[in-house]
PDB file of all heavy atoms in Angstrom:
ATOM      1  N   PRO A   1      -1.074   0.571   8.316  1.00  0.00           N
ATOM      2  CA  PRO A   1      -1.479  -0.413   9.319  1.00  0.00           C
ATOM      3  C   PRO A   1      -2.507   0.179  10.281  1.00  0.00           C
ATOM      4  O   PRO A   1      -2.769   1.385  10.279  1.00  0.00           O
ATOM      5  CB  PRO A   1      -0.171  -0.715  10.066  1.00  0.00           C
ATOM      6  CG  PRO A   1       0.931  -0.077   9.275  1.00  0.00           C
ATOM      7  CD  PRO A   1       0.300   1.043   8.520  1.00  0.00           C
ATOM      8  N   LYS A   2      -3.031  -0.664  11.113  1.00  0.00           N
ATOM      9  CA  LYS A   2      -3.846  -0.192  12.214  1.00  0.00           C
ATOM     10  C   LYS A   2      -2.974   0.667  13.132  1.00  0.00           C
ATOM     11  O   LYS A   2      -1.813   0.348  13.377  1.00  0.00           O
ATOM     12  CB  LYS A   2      -4.423  -1.366  12.985  1.00  0.00           C
ATOM     13  CG  LYS A   2      -5.355  -2.252  12.160  1.00  0.00           C
ATOM     14  CD  LYS A   2      -5.729  -3.517  12.911  1.00  0.00           C
ATOM     15  CE  LYS A   2      -6.581  -4.433  12.037  1.00  0.00           C
ATOM     16  NZ  LYS A   2      -6.866  -5.724  12.704  1.00  0.00           N
ATOM     17  N   ALA A   3      -3.531   1.747  13.653  1.00  0.00           N
ATOM     18  CA  ALA A   3      -2.743   2.696  14.443  1.00  0.00           C
ATOM     19  C   ALA A   3      -2.114   2.046  15.663  1.00  0.00           C
ATOM     20  O   ALA A   3      -0.993   2.399  16.059  1.00  0.00           O
ATOM     21  CB  ALA A   3      -3.614   3.874  14.869  1.00  0.00           C
ATOM     22  N   GLU A   4      -2.783   1.079  16.239  1.00  0.00           N
ATOM     23  CA  GLU A   4      -2.237   0.434  17.436  1.00  0.00           C
ATOM     24  C   GLU A   4      -1.066  -0.488  17.119  1.00  0.00           C
ATOM     25  O   GLU A   4      -0.356  -0.939  18.027  1.00  0.00           O
ATOM     26  CB  GLU A   4      -3.328  -0.345  18.181  1.00  0.00           C
ATOM     27  CG  GLU A   4      -3.950  -1.482  17.400  1.00  0.00           C
ATOM     28  CD  GLU A   4      -5.185  -1.074  16.609  1.00  0.00           C
ATOM     29  OE1 GLU A   4      -5.316   0.131  16.297  1.00  0.00           O
ATOM     30  OE2 GLU A   4      -6.009  -1.961  16.310  1.00  0.00           O
ATOM     31  N   GLU A   5      -0.853  -0.780  15.848  1.00  0.00           N
ATOM     32  CA  GLU A   5       0.241  -1.683  15.463  1.00  0.00           C
ATOM     33  C   GLU A   5       1.490  -0.935  14.993  1.00  0.00           C
ATOM     34  O   GLU A   5       2.612  -1.346  15.295  1.00  0.00           O
ATOM     35  CB  GLU A   5      -0.237  -2.643  14.370  1.00  0.00           C
ATOM     36  CG  GLU A   5      -1.294  -3.605  14.864  1.00  0.00           C
ATOM     37  CD  GLU A   5      -1.745  -4.602  13.816  1.00  0.00           C
ATOM     38  OE1 GLU A   5      -1.513  -4.369  12.605  1.00  0.00           O
ATOM     39  OE2 GLU A   5      -2.353  -5.614  14.199  1.00  0.00           O
ATOM     40  N   CYS A   6       1.326   0.128  14.243  1.00  0.00           N
ATOM     41  CA  CYS A   6       2.479   0.919  13.802  1.00  0.00           C
ATOM     42  C   CYS A   6       1.990   2.246  13.243  1.00  0.00           C
ATOM     43  O   CYS A   6       1.021   2.287  12.483  1.00  0.00           O
ATOM     44  CB  CYS A   6       3.290   0.176  12.739  1.00  0.00           C
ATOM     45  SG  CYS A   6       4.909   0.907  12.418  1.00  0.00           S
ATOM     46  N   LYS A   7       2.699   3.325  13.599  1.00  0.00           N
ATOM     47  CA  LYS A   7       2.233   4.666  13.248  1.00  0.00           C
ATOM     48  C   LYS A   7       3.054   5.343  12.158  1.00  0.00           C
ATOM     49  O   LYS A   7       2.668   6.420  11.684  1.00  0.00           O
ATOM     50  CB  LYS A   7       2.235   5.551  14.497  1.00  0.00           C
ATOM     51  CG  LYS A   7       1.227   5.147  15.569  1.00  0.00           C
ATOM     52  CD  LYS A   7       1.282   6.091  16.752  1.00  0.00           C
ATOM     53  CE  LYS A   7       0.135   5.844  17.729  1.00  0.00           C
ATOM     54  NZ  LYS A   7       0.215   4.510  18.349  1.00  0.00           N
ATOM     55  N   ASN A   8       4.190   4.768  11.759  1.00  0.00           N
ATOM     56  CA  ASN A   8       5.019   5.446  10.762  1.00  0.00           C
ATOM     57  C   ASN A   8       5.504   4.510   9.666  1.00  0.00           C
ATOM     58  O   ASN A   8       6.606   4.629   9.159  1.00  0.00           O
ATOM     59  CB  ASN A   8       6.211   6.150  11.425  1.00  0.00           C
ATOM     60  CG  ASN A   8       7.183   5.180  12.092  1.00  0.00           C
ATOM     61  OD1 ASN A   8       6.807   4.069  12.461  1.00  0.00           O
ATOM     62  ND2 ASN A   8       8.431   5.611  12.250  1.00  0.00           N
ATOM     63  N   LEU A   9       4.648   3.576   9.295  1.00  0.00           N
ATOM     64  CA  LEU A   9       4.950   2.625   8.228  1.00  0.00           C
ATOM     65  C   LEU A   9       3.860   2.682   7.176  1.00  0.00           C
ATOM     66  O   LEU A   9       2.668   2.735   7.508  1.00  0.00           O
ATOM     67  CB  LEU A   9       5.051   1.203   8.795  1.00  0.00           C
ATOM     68  CG  LEU A   9       5.259   0.074   7.776  1.00  0.00           C
ATOM     69  CD1 LEU A   9       6.651   0.165   7.137  1.00  0.00           C
ATOM     70  CD2 LEU A   9       5.058  -1.292   8.436  1.00  0.00           C
ATOM     71  N   LEU A  10       4.269   2.669   5.908  1.00  0.00           N
ATOM     72  CA  LEU A  10       3.330   2.587   4.783  1.00  0.00           C
ATOM     73  C   LEU A  10       3.727   1.399   3.918  1.00  0.00           C
ATOM     74  O   LEU A  10       4.924   1.098   3.757  1.00  0.00           O
ATOM     75  CB  LEU A  10       3.320   3.875   3.972  1.00  0.00           C
ATOM     76  CG  LEU A  10       2.857   5.105   4.761  1.00  0.00           C
ATOM     77  CD1 LEU A  10       4.031   6.023   5.032  1.00  0.00           C
ATOM     78  CD2 LEU A  10       1.744   5.861   4.032  1.00  0.00           C
ATOM     79  N   VAL A  11       2.717   0.742   3.322  1.00  0.00           N
ATOM     80  CA  VAL A  11       2.943  -0.524   2.619  1.00  0.00           C
ATOM     81  C   VAL A  11       2.233  -0.485   1.266  1.00  0.00           C
ATOM     82  O   VAL A  11       1.047  -0.802   1.170  1.00  0.00           O
ATOM     83  CB  VAL A  11       2.432  -1.711   3.459  1.00  0.00           C
ATOM     84  CG1 VAL A  11       2.802  -3.032   2.797  1.00  0.00           C
ATOM     85  CG2 VAL A  11       2.989  -1.659   4.886  1.00  0.00           C
ATOM     86  N   PRO A  12       2.936  -0.089   0.191  1.00  0.00           N
ATOM     87  CA  PRO A  12       2.276   0.051  -1.112  1.00  0.00           C
ATOM     88  C   PRO A  12       2.147  -1.235  -1.920  1.00  0.00           C
ATOM     89  O   PRO A  12       1.376  -1.269  -2.876  1.00  0.00           O
ATOM     90  CB  PRO A  12       3.186   1.043  -1.839  1.00  0.00           C
ATOM     91  CG  PRO A  12       4.539   0.807  -1.242  1.00  0.00           C
ATOM     92  CD  PRO A  12       4.288   0.463   0.195  1.00  0.00           C
ATOM     93  N   ILE A  13       2.890  -2.297  -1.568  1.00  0.00           N
ATOM     94  CA  ILE A  13       2.803  -3.555  -2.325  1.00  0.00           C
ATOM     95  C   ILE A  13       1.990  -4.590  -1.565  1.00  0.00           C
ATOM     96  O   ILE A  13       0.978  -5.087  -2.062  1.00  0.00           O
ATOM     97  CB  ILE A  13       4.204  -4.091  -2.675  1.00  0.00           C
ATOM     98  CG1 ILE A  13       4.877  -3.169  -3.690  1.00  0.00           C
ATOM     99  CG2 ILE A  13       4.107  -5.515  -3.240  1.00  0.00           C
ATOM    100  CD1 ILE A  13       6.251  -3.622  -4.134  1.00  0.00           C
ATOM    101  N   CYS A  14       2.416  -4.948  -0.371  1.00  0.00           N
ATOM    102  CA  CYS A  14       1.682  -5.928   0.447  1.00  0.00           C
ATOM    103  C   CYS A  14       0.563  -5.229   1.198  1.00  0.00           C
ATOM    104  O   CYS A  14       0.400  -5.383   2.412  1.00  0.00           O
ATOM    105  CB  CYS A  14       2.640  -6.636   1.391  1.00  0.00           C
ATOM    106  SG  CYS A  14       3.916  -7.599   0.555  1.00  0.00           S
ATOM    107  N   LEU A  15      -0.240  -4.486   0.480  1.00  0.00           N
ATOM    108  CA  LEU A  15      -1.255  -3.629   1.082  1.00  0.00           C
ATOM    109  C   LEU A  15      -2.423  -4.429   1.642  1.00  0.00           C
ATOM    110  O   LEU A  15      -2.521  -5.646   1.440  1.00  0.00           O
ATOM    111  CB  LEU A  15      -1.744  -2.606   0.065  1.00  0.00           C
ATOM    112  CG  LEU A  15      -2.615  -3.094  -1.095  1.00  0.00           C
ATOM    113  CD1 LEU A  15      -3.405  -1.932  -1.679  1.00  0.00           C
ATOM    114  CD2 LEU A  15      -1.778  -3.752  -2.196  1.00  0.00           C
ATOM    115  N   SER A  16      -3.310  -3.735   2.306  1.00  0.00           N
ATOM    116  CA  SER A  16      -4.464  -4.355   2.966  1.00  0.00           C
ATOM    117  C   SER A  16      -5.526  -4.673   1.918  1.00  0.00           C
ATOM    118  O   SER A  16      -6.239  -3.789   1.438  1.00  0.00           O
ATOM    119  CB  SER A  16      -5.019  -3.407   4.034  1.00  0.00           C
ATOM    120  OG  SER A  16      -6.088  -3.981   4.723  1.00  0.00           O
ATOM    121  N   SER A  17      -5.623  -5.951   1.590  1.00  0.00           N
ATOM    122  CA  SER A  17      -6.494  -6.366   0.491  1.00  0.00           C
ATOM    123  C   SER A  17      -6.824  -7.835   0.643  1.00  0.00           C
ATOM    124  O   SER A  17      -6.008  -8.631   1.106  1.00  0.00           O
ATOM    125  CB  SER A  17      -5.780  -6.135  -0.847  1.00  0.00           C
ATOM    126  OG  SER A  17      -6.469  -6.761  -1.907  1.00  0.00           O
ATOM    127  N   SER A  18      -8.009  -8.198   0.222  1.00  0.00           N
ATOM    128  CA  SER A  18      -8.337  -9.618   0.131  1.00  0.00           C
ATOM    129  C   SER A  18      -7.607 -10.222  -1.060  1.00  0.00           C
ATOM    130  O   SER A  18      -7.125  -9.510  -1.947  1.00  0.00           O
ATOM    131  CB  SER A  18      -9.843  -9.818  -0.029  1.00  0.00           C
ATOM    132  OG  SER A  18     -10.263  -9.478  -1.347  1.00  0.00           O
ATOM    133  N   HIS A  19      -7.551 -11.540  -1.084  1.00  0.00           N
ATOM    134  CA  HIS A  19      -6.921 -12.229  -2.208  1.00  0.00           C
ATOM    135  C   HIS A  19      -7.580 -11.854  -3.530  1.00  0.00           C
ATOM    136  O   HIS A  19      -6.898 -11.648  -4.541  1.00  0.00           O
ATOM    137  CB  HIS A  19      -7.003 -13.744  -1.985  1.00  0.00           C
ATOM    138  CG  HIS A  19      -6.780 -14.563  -3.210  1.00  0.00           C
ATOM    139  ND1 HIS A  19      -5.543 -14.692  -3.816  1.00  0.00           N
ATOM    140  CD2 HIS A  19      -7.647 -15.293  -3.973  1.00  0.00           C
ATOM    141  CE1 HIS A  19      -5.654 -15.470  -4.883  1.00  0.00           C
ATOM    142  NE2 HIS A  19      -6.912 -15.841  -4.998  1.00  0.00           N
ATOM    143  N   VAL A  20      -8.894 -11.734  -3.532  1.00  0.00           N
ATOM    144  CA  VAL A  20      -9.608 -11.428  -4.781  1.00  0.00           C
ATOM    145  C   VAL A  20      -9.222 -10.045  -5.283  1.00  0.00           C
ATOM    146  O   VAL A  20      -8.826  -9.874  -6.446  1.00  0.00           O
ATOM    147  CB  VAL A  20     -11.132 -11.517  -4.580  1.00  0.00           C
ATOM    148  CG1 VAL A  20     -11.856 -11.163  -5.878  1.00  0.00           C
ATOM    149  CG2 VAL A  20     -11.524 -12.910  -4.129  1.00  0.00           C
ATOM    150  N   ALA A  21      -9.318  -9.040  -4.432  1.00  0.00           N
ATOM    151  CA  ALA A  21      -8.984  -7.683  -4.859  1.00  0.00           C
ATOM    152  C   ALA A  21      -7.520  -7.585  -5.257  1.00  0.00           C
ATOM    153  O   ALA A  21      -7.168  -6.906  -6.234  1.00  0.00           O
ATOM    154  CB  ALA A  21      -9.293  -6.696  -3.735  1.00  0.00           C
ATOM    155  N   TYR A  22      -6.665  -8.275  -4.537  1.00  0.00           N
ATOM    156  CA  TYR A  22      -5.225  -8.210  -4.822  1.00  0.00           C
ATOM    157  C   TYR A  22      -4.907  -8.767  -6.197  1.00  0.00           C
ATOM    158  O   TYR A  22      -3.939  -8.330  -6.848  1.00  0.00           O
ATOM    159  CB  TYR A  22      -4.449  -8.987  -3.754  1.00  0.00           C
ATOM    160  CG  TYR A  22      -2.979  -8.644  -3.710  1.00  0.00           C
ATOM    161  CD1 TYR A  22      -2.532  -7.541  -2.992  1.00  0.00           C
ATOM    162  CD2 TYR A  22      -2.040  -9.414  -4.385  1.00  0.00           C
ATOM    163  CE1 TYR A  22      -1.190  -7.217  -2.953  1.00  0.00           C
ATOM    164  CE2 TYR A  22      -0.701  -9.095  -4.353  1.00  0.00           C
ATOM    165  CZ  TYR A  22      -0.279  -7.995  -3.635  1.00  0.00           C
ATOM    166  OH  TYR A  22       1.056  -7.669  -3.609  1.00  0.00           O
ATOM    167  N   SER A  23      -5.708  -9.697  -6.683  1.00  0.00           N
ATOM    168  CA  SER A  23      -5.434 -10.296  -7.993  1.00  0.00           C
ATOM    169  C   SER A  23      -5.551  -9.272  -9.114  1.00  0.00           C
ATOM    170  O   SER A  23      -5.012  -9.470 -10.205  1.00  0.00           O
ATOM    171  CB  SER A  23      -6.382 -11.471  -8.255  1.00  0.00           C
ATOM    172  OG  SER A  23      -7.705 -11.025  -8.511  1.00  0.00           O
ATOM    173  N   SER A  24      -6.206  -8.156  -8.846  1.00  0.00           N
ATOM    174  CA  SER A  24      -6.286  -7.063  -9.809  1.00  0.00           C
ATOM    175  C   SER A  24      -5.308  -5.937  -9.483  1.00  0.00           C
ATOM    176  O   SER A  24      -4.639  -5.399 -10.372  1.00  0.00           O
ATOM    177  CB  SER A  24      -7.717  -6.501  -9.830  1.00  0.00           C
ATOM    178  OG  SER A  24      -7.782  -5.282 -10.543  1.00  0.00           O
ATOM    179  N   ILE A  25      -5.203  -5.613  -8.214  1.00  0.00           N
ATOM    180  CA  ILE A  25      -4.338  -4.501  -7.791  1.00  0.00           C
ATOM    181  C   ILE A  25      -2.881  -4.779  -8.088  1.00  0.00           C
ATOM    182  O   ILE A  25      -2.088  -3.862  -8.336  1.00  0.00           O
ATOM    183  CB  ILE A  25      -4.533  -4.237  -6.278  1.00  0.00           C
ATOM    184  CG1 ILE A  25      -5.955  -3.742  -5.999  1.00  0.00           C
ATOM    185  CG2 ILE A  25      -3.521  -3.215  -5.757  1.00  0.00           C
ATOM    186  CD1 ILE A  25      -6.312  -3.707  -4.513  1.00  0.00           C
ATOM    187  N   ARG A  26      -2.460  -6.045  -8.122  1.00  0.00           N
ATOM    188  CA  ARG A  26      -1.061  -6.459  -8.048  1.00  0.00           C
ATOM    189  C   ARG A  26      -0.204  -6.143  -9.283  1.00  0.00           C
ATOM    190  O   ARG A  26       0.851  -6.752  -9.471  1.00  0.00           O
ATOM    191  CB  ARG A  26      -0.996  -7.966  -7.801  1.00  0.00           C
ATOM    192  CG  ARG A  26      -1.556  -8.794  -8.967  1.00  0.00           C
ATOM    193  CD  ARG A  26      -1.387 -10.298  -8.753  1.00  0.00           C
ATOM    194  NE  ARG A  26      -1.843 -11.044  -9.908  1.00  0.00           N
ATOM    195  CZ  ARG A  26      -1.110 -11.287 -10.984  1.00  0.00           C
ATOM    196  NH1 ARG A  26       0.131 -10.830 -11.048  1.00  0.00           N
ATOM    197  NH2 ARG A  26      -1.600 -11.964 -11.998  1.00  0.00           N
ATOM    198  N   MET A  27      -0.578  -5.199 -10.090  1.00  0.00           N
ATOM    199  CA  MET A  27       0.184  -4.880 -11.290  1.00  0.00           C
ATOM    200  C   MET A  27       1.208  -3.779 -11.008  1.00  0.00           C
ATOM    201  O   MET A  27       0.963  -2.863 -10.215  1.00  0.00           O
ATOM    202  CB  MET A  27      -0.759  -4.462 -12.420  1.00  0.00           C
ATOM    203  CG  MET A  27      -1.848  -5.486 -12.693  1.00  0.00           C
ATOM    204  SD  MET A  27      -1.198  -7.152 -13.033  1.00  0.00           S
ATOM    205  CE  MET A  27      -2.593  -8.192 -12.681  1.00  0.00           C
ATOM    206  N   GLU A  28       2.352  -3.855 -11.675  1.00  0.00           N
ATOM    207  CA  GLU A  28       3.468  -2.965 -11.374  1.00  0.00           C
ATOM    208  C   GLU A  28       3.125  -1.477 -11.494  1.00  0.00           C
ATOM    209  O   GLU A  28       3.514  -0.690 -10.624  1.00  0.00           O
ATOM    210  CB  GLU A  28       4.675  -3.307 -12.248  1.00  0.00           C
ATOM    211  CG  GLU A  28       5.318  -4.644 -11.914  1.00  0.00           C
ATOM    212  CD  GLU A  28       6.016  -4.676 -10.561  1.00  0.00           C
ATOM    213  OE1 GLU A  28       6.482  -3.609 -10.103  1.00  0.00           O
ATOM    214  OE2 GLU A  28       6.100  -5.759  -9.960  1.00  0.00           O
ATOM    215  N   PRO A  29       2.410  -1.019 -12.535  1.00  0.00           N
ATOM    216  CA  PRO A  29       2.087   0.412 -12.578  1.00  0.00           C
ATOM    217  C   PRO A  29       1.246   0.866 -11.383  1.00  0.00           C
ATOM    218  O   PRO A  29       1.375   2.015 -10.938  1.00  0.00           O
ATOM    219  CB  PRO A  29       1.312   0.562 -13.894  1.00  0.00           C
ATOM    220  CG  PRO A  29       1.757  -0.582 -14.728  1.00  0.00           C
ATOM    221  CD  PRO A  29       1.973  -1.708 -13.772  1.00  0.00           C
ATOM    222  N   VAL A  30       0.402  -0.019 -10.856  1.00  0.00           N
ATOM    223  CA  VAL A  30      -0.387   0.323  -9.672  1.00  0.00           C
ATOM    224  C   VAL A  30       0.522   0.404  -8.452  1.00  0.00           C
ATOM    225  O   VAL A  30       0.458   1.365  -7.671  1.00  0.00           O
ATOM    226  CB  VAL A  30      -1.515  -0.703  -9.446  1.00  0.00           C
ATOM    227  CG1 VAL A  30      -2.328  -0.348  -8.204  1.00  0.00           C
ATOM    228  CG2 VAL A  30      -2.423  -0.783 -10.663  1.00  0.00           C
ATOM    229  N   TYR A  31       1.384  -0.610  -8.275  1.00  0.00           N
ATOM    230  CA  TYR A  31       2.352  -0.548  -7.179  1.00  0.00           C
ATOM    231  C   TYR A  31       3.127   0.771  -7.216  1.00  0.00           C
ATOM    232  O   TYR A  31       3.369   1.401  -6.189  1.00  0.00           O
ATOM    233  CB  TYR A  31       3.368  -1.678  -7.305  1.00  0.00           C
ATOM    234  CG  TYR A  31       2.900  -3.075  -7.011  1.00  0.00           C
ATOM    235  CD1 TYR A  31       3.622  -4.167  -7.510  1.00  0.00           C
ATOM    236  CD2 TYR A  31       1.789  -3.348  -6.217  1.00  0.00           C
ATOM    237  CE1 TYR A  31       3.252  -5.473  -7.236  1.00  0.00           C
ATOM    238  CE2 TYR A  31       1.412  -4.652  -5.940  1.00  0.00           C
ATOM    239  CZ  TYR A  31       2.144  -5.716  -6.459  1.00  0.00           C
ATOM    240  OH  TYR A  31       1.787  -7.010  -6.185  1.00  0.00           O
ATOM    241  N   MET A  32       3.560   1.173  -8.401  1.00  0.00           N
ATOM    242  CA  MET A  32       4.377   2.378  -8.535  1.00  0.00           C
ATOM    243  C   MET A  32       3.603   3.619  -8.111  1.00  0.00           C
ATOM    244  O   MET A  32       4.120   4.484  -7.393  1.00  0.00           O
ATOM    245  CB  MET A  32       4.876   2.491  -9.977  1.00  0.00           C
ATOM    246  CG  MET A  32       5.850   1.381 -10.369  1.00  0.00           C
ATOM    247  SD  MET A  32       6.066   1.201 -12.159  1.00  0.00           S
ATOM    248  CE  MET A  32       7.115   2.608 -12.516  1.00  0.00           C
ATOM    249  N   GLN A  33       2.359   3.712  -8.548  1.00  0.00           N
ATOM    250  CA  GLN A  33       1.540   4.863  -8.153  1.00  0.00           C
ATOM    251  C   GLN A  33       1.260   4.864  -6.653  1.00  0.00           C
ATOM    252  O   GLN A  33       1.245   5.924  -6.017  1.00  0.00           O
ATOM    253  CB  GLN A  33       0.239   4.850  -8.951  1.00  0.00           C
ATOM    254  CG  GLN A  33       0.458   5.110 -10.437  1.00  0.00           C
ATOM    255  CD  GLN A  33      -0.807   4.925 -11.246  1.00  0.00           C
ATOM    256  OE1 GLN A  33      -1.521   5.883 -11.529  1.00  0.00           O
ATOM    257  NE2 GLN A  33      -1.116   3.694 -11.616  1.00  0.00           N
ATOM    258  N   LEU A  34       1.071   3.692  -6.090  1.00  0.00           N
ATOM    259  CA  LEU A  34       0.868   3.608  -4.641  1.00  0.00           C
ATOM    260  C   LEU A  34       2.154   3.943  -3.892  1.00  0.00           C
ATOM    261  O   LEU A  34       2.111   4.490  -2.785  1.00  0.00           O
ATOM    262  CB  LEU A  34       0.356   2.220  -4.256  1.00  0.00           C
ATOM    263  CG  LEU A  34      -0.997   1.815  -4.851  1.00  0.00           C
ATOM    264  CD1 LEU A  34      -1.404   0.433  -4.363  1.00  0.00           C
ATOM    265  CD2 LEU A  34      -2.082   2.840  -4.532  1.00  0.00           C
ATOM    266  N   GLY A  35       3.298   3.631  -4.498  1.00  0.00           N
ATOM    267  CA  GLY A  35       4.567   4.037  -3.904  1.00  0.00           C
ATOM    268  C   GLY A  35       4.685   5.553  -3.831  1.00  0.00           C
ATOM    269  O   GLY A  35       5.134   6.115  -2.819  1.00  0.00           O
ATOM    270  N   GLN A  36       4.279   6.243  -4.889  1.00  0.00           N
ATOM    271  CA  GLN A  36       4.291   7.704  -4.873  1.00  0.00           C
ATOM    272  C   GLN A  36       3.350   8.238  -3.802  1.00  0.00           C
ATOM    273  O   GLN A  36       3.689   9.178  -3.066  1.00  0.00           O
ATOM    274  CB  GLN A  36       3.894   8.263  -6.236  1.00  0.00           C
ATOM    275  CG  GLN A  36       3.885   9.788  -6.267  1.00  0.00           C
ATOM    276  CD  GLN A  36       3.705  10.354  -7.672  1.00  0.00           C
ATOM    277  OE1 GLN A  36       3.766   9.637  -8.663  1.00  0.00           O
ATOM    278  NE2 GLN A  36       3.495  11.665  -7.758  1.00  0.00           N
ATOM    279  N   ALA A  37       2.176   7.633  -3.688  1.00  0.00           N
ATOM    280  CA  ALA A  37       1.215   8.080  -2.682  1.00  0.00           C
ATOM    281  C   ALA A  37       1.761   7.874  -1.269  1.00  0.00           C
ATOM    282  O   ALA A  37       1.605   8.736  -0.395  1.00  0.00           O
ATOM    283  CB  ALA A  37      -0.101   7.330  -2.857  1.00  0.00           C
ATOM    284  N   ALA A  38       2.407   6.732  -1.043  1.00  0.00           N
ATOM    285  CA  ALA A  38       2.958   6.438   0.278  1.00  0.00           C
ATOM    286  C   ALA A  38       4.033   7.448   0.659  1.00  0.00           C
ATOM    287  O   ALA A  38       4.068   7.949   1.793  1.00  0.00           O
ATOM    288  CB  ALA A  38       3.518   5.017   0.306  1.00  0.00           C
ATOM    289  N   ALA A  39       4.933   7.762  -0.279  1.00  0.00           N
ATOM    290  CA  ALA A  39       5.995   8.727  -0.002  1.00  0.00           C
ATOM    291  C   ALA A  39       5.433  10.122   0.241  1.00  0.00           C
ATOM    292  O   ALA A  39       5.925  10.865   1.097  1.00  0.00           O
ATOM    293  CB  ALA A  39       6.989   8.745  -1.159  1.00  0.00           C
ATOM    294  N   THR A  40       4.420  10.485  -0.504  1.00  0.00           N
ATOM    295  CA  THR A  40       3.787  11.788  -0.319  1.00  0.00           C
ATOM    296  C   THR A  40       3.168  11.884   1.076  1.00  0.00           C
ATOM    297  O   THR A  40       3.332  12.893   1.772  1.00  0.00           O
ATOM    298  CB  THR A  40       2.704  12.012  -1.395  1.00  0.00           C
ATOM    299  OG1 THR A  40       3.295  11.880  -2.694  1.00  0.00           O
ATOM    300  CG2 THR A  40       2.079  13.383  -1.261  1.00  0.00           C
ATOM    301  N   ALA A  41       2.487  10.833   1.482  1.00  0.00           N
ATOM    302  CA  ALA A  41       1.881  10.828   2.818  1.00  0.00           C
ATOM    303  C   ALA A  41       2.947  10.903   3.905  1.00  0.00           C
ATOM    304  O   ALA A  41       2.774  11.604   4.913  1.00  0.00           O
ATOM    305  CB  ALA A  41       1.038   9.567   2.997  1.00  0.00           C
ATOM    306  N   ALA A  42       4.056  10.202   3.703  1.00  0.00           N
ATOM    307  CA  ALA A  42       5.141  10.233   4.687  1.00  0.00           C
ATOM    308  C   ALA A  42       5.695  11.644   4.828  1.00  0.00           C
ATOM    309  O   ALA A  42       5.937  12.132   5.942  1.00  0.00           O
ATOM    310  CB  ALA A  42       6.241   9.262   4.278  1.00  0.00           C
ATOM    311  N   ALA A  43       5.906  12.314   3.698  1.00  0.00           N
ATOM    312  CA  ALA A  43       6.435  13.680   3.737  1.00  0.00           C
ATOM    313  C   ALA A  43       5.464  14.631   4.419  1.00  0.00           C
ATOM    314  O   ALA A  43       5.865  15.507   5.203  1.00  0.00           O
ATOM    315  CB  ALA A  43       6.736  14.153   2.315  1.00  0.00           C
TER     316      ALA A  43
END
């Protein structure tokens, strides 16, 4: 998120994307890889 809104939250599925880009990103293997990235960043 924007830093002024939240500093310790990551969002691998409902990510920051336009409707057009999301229509491609929205596949499960991509969500899964973004989940790994989010957890790595949190750690």
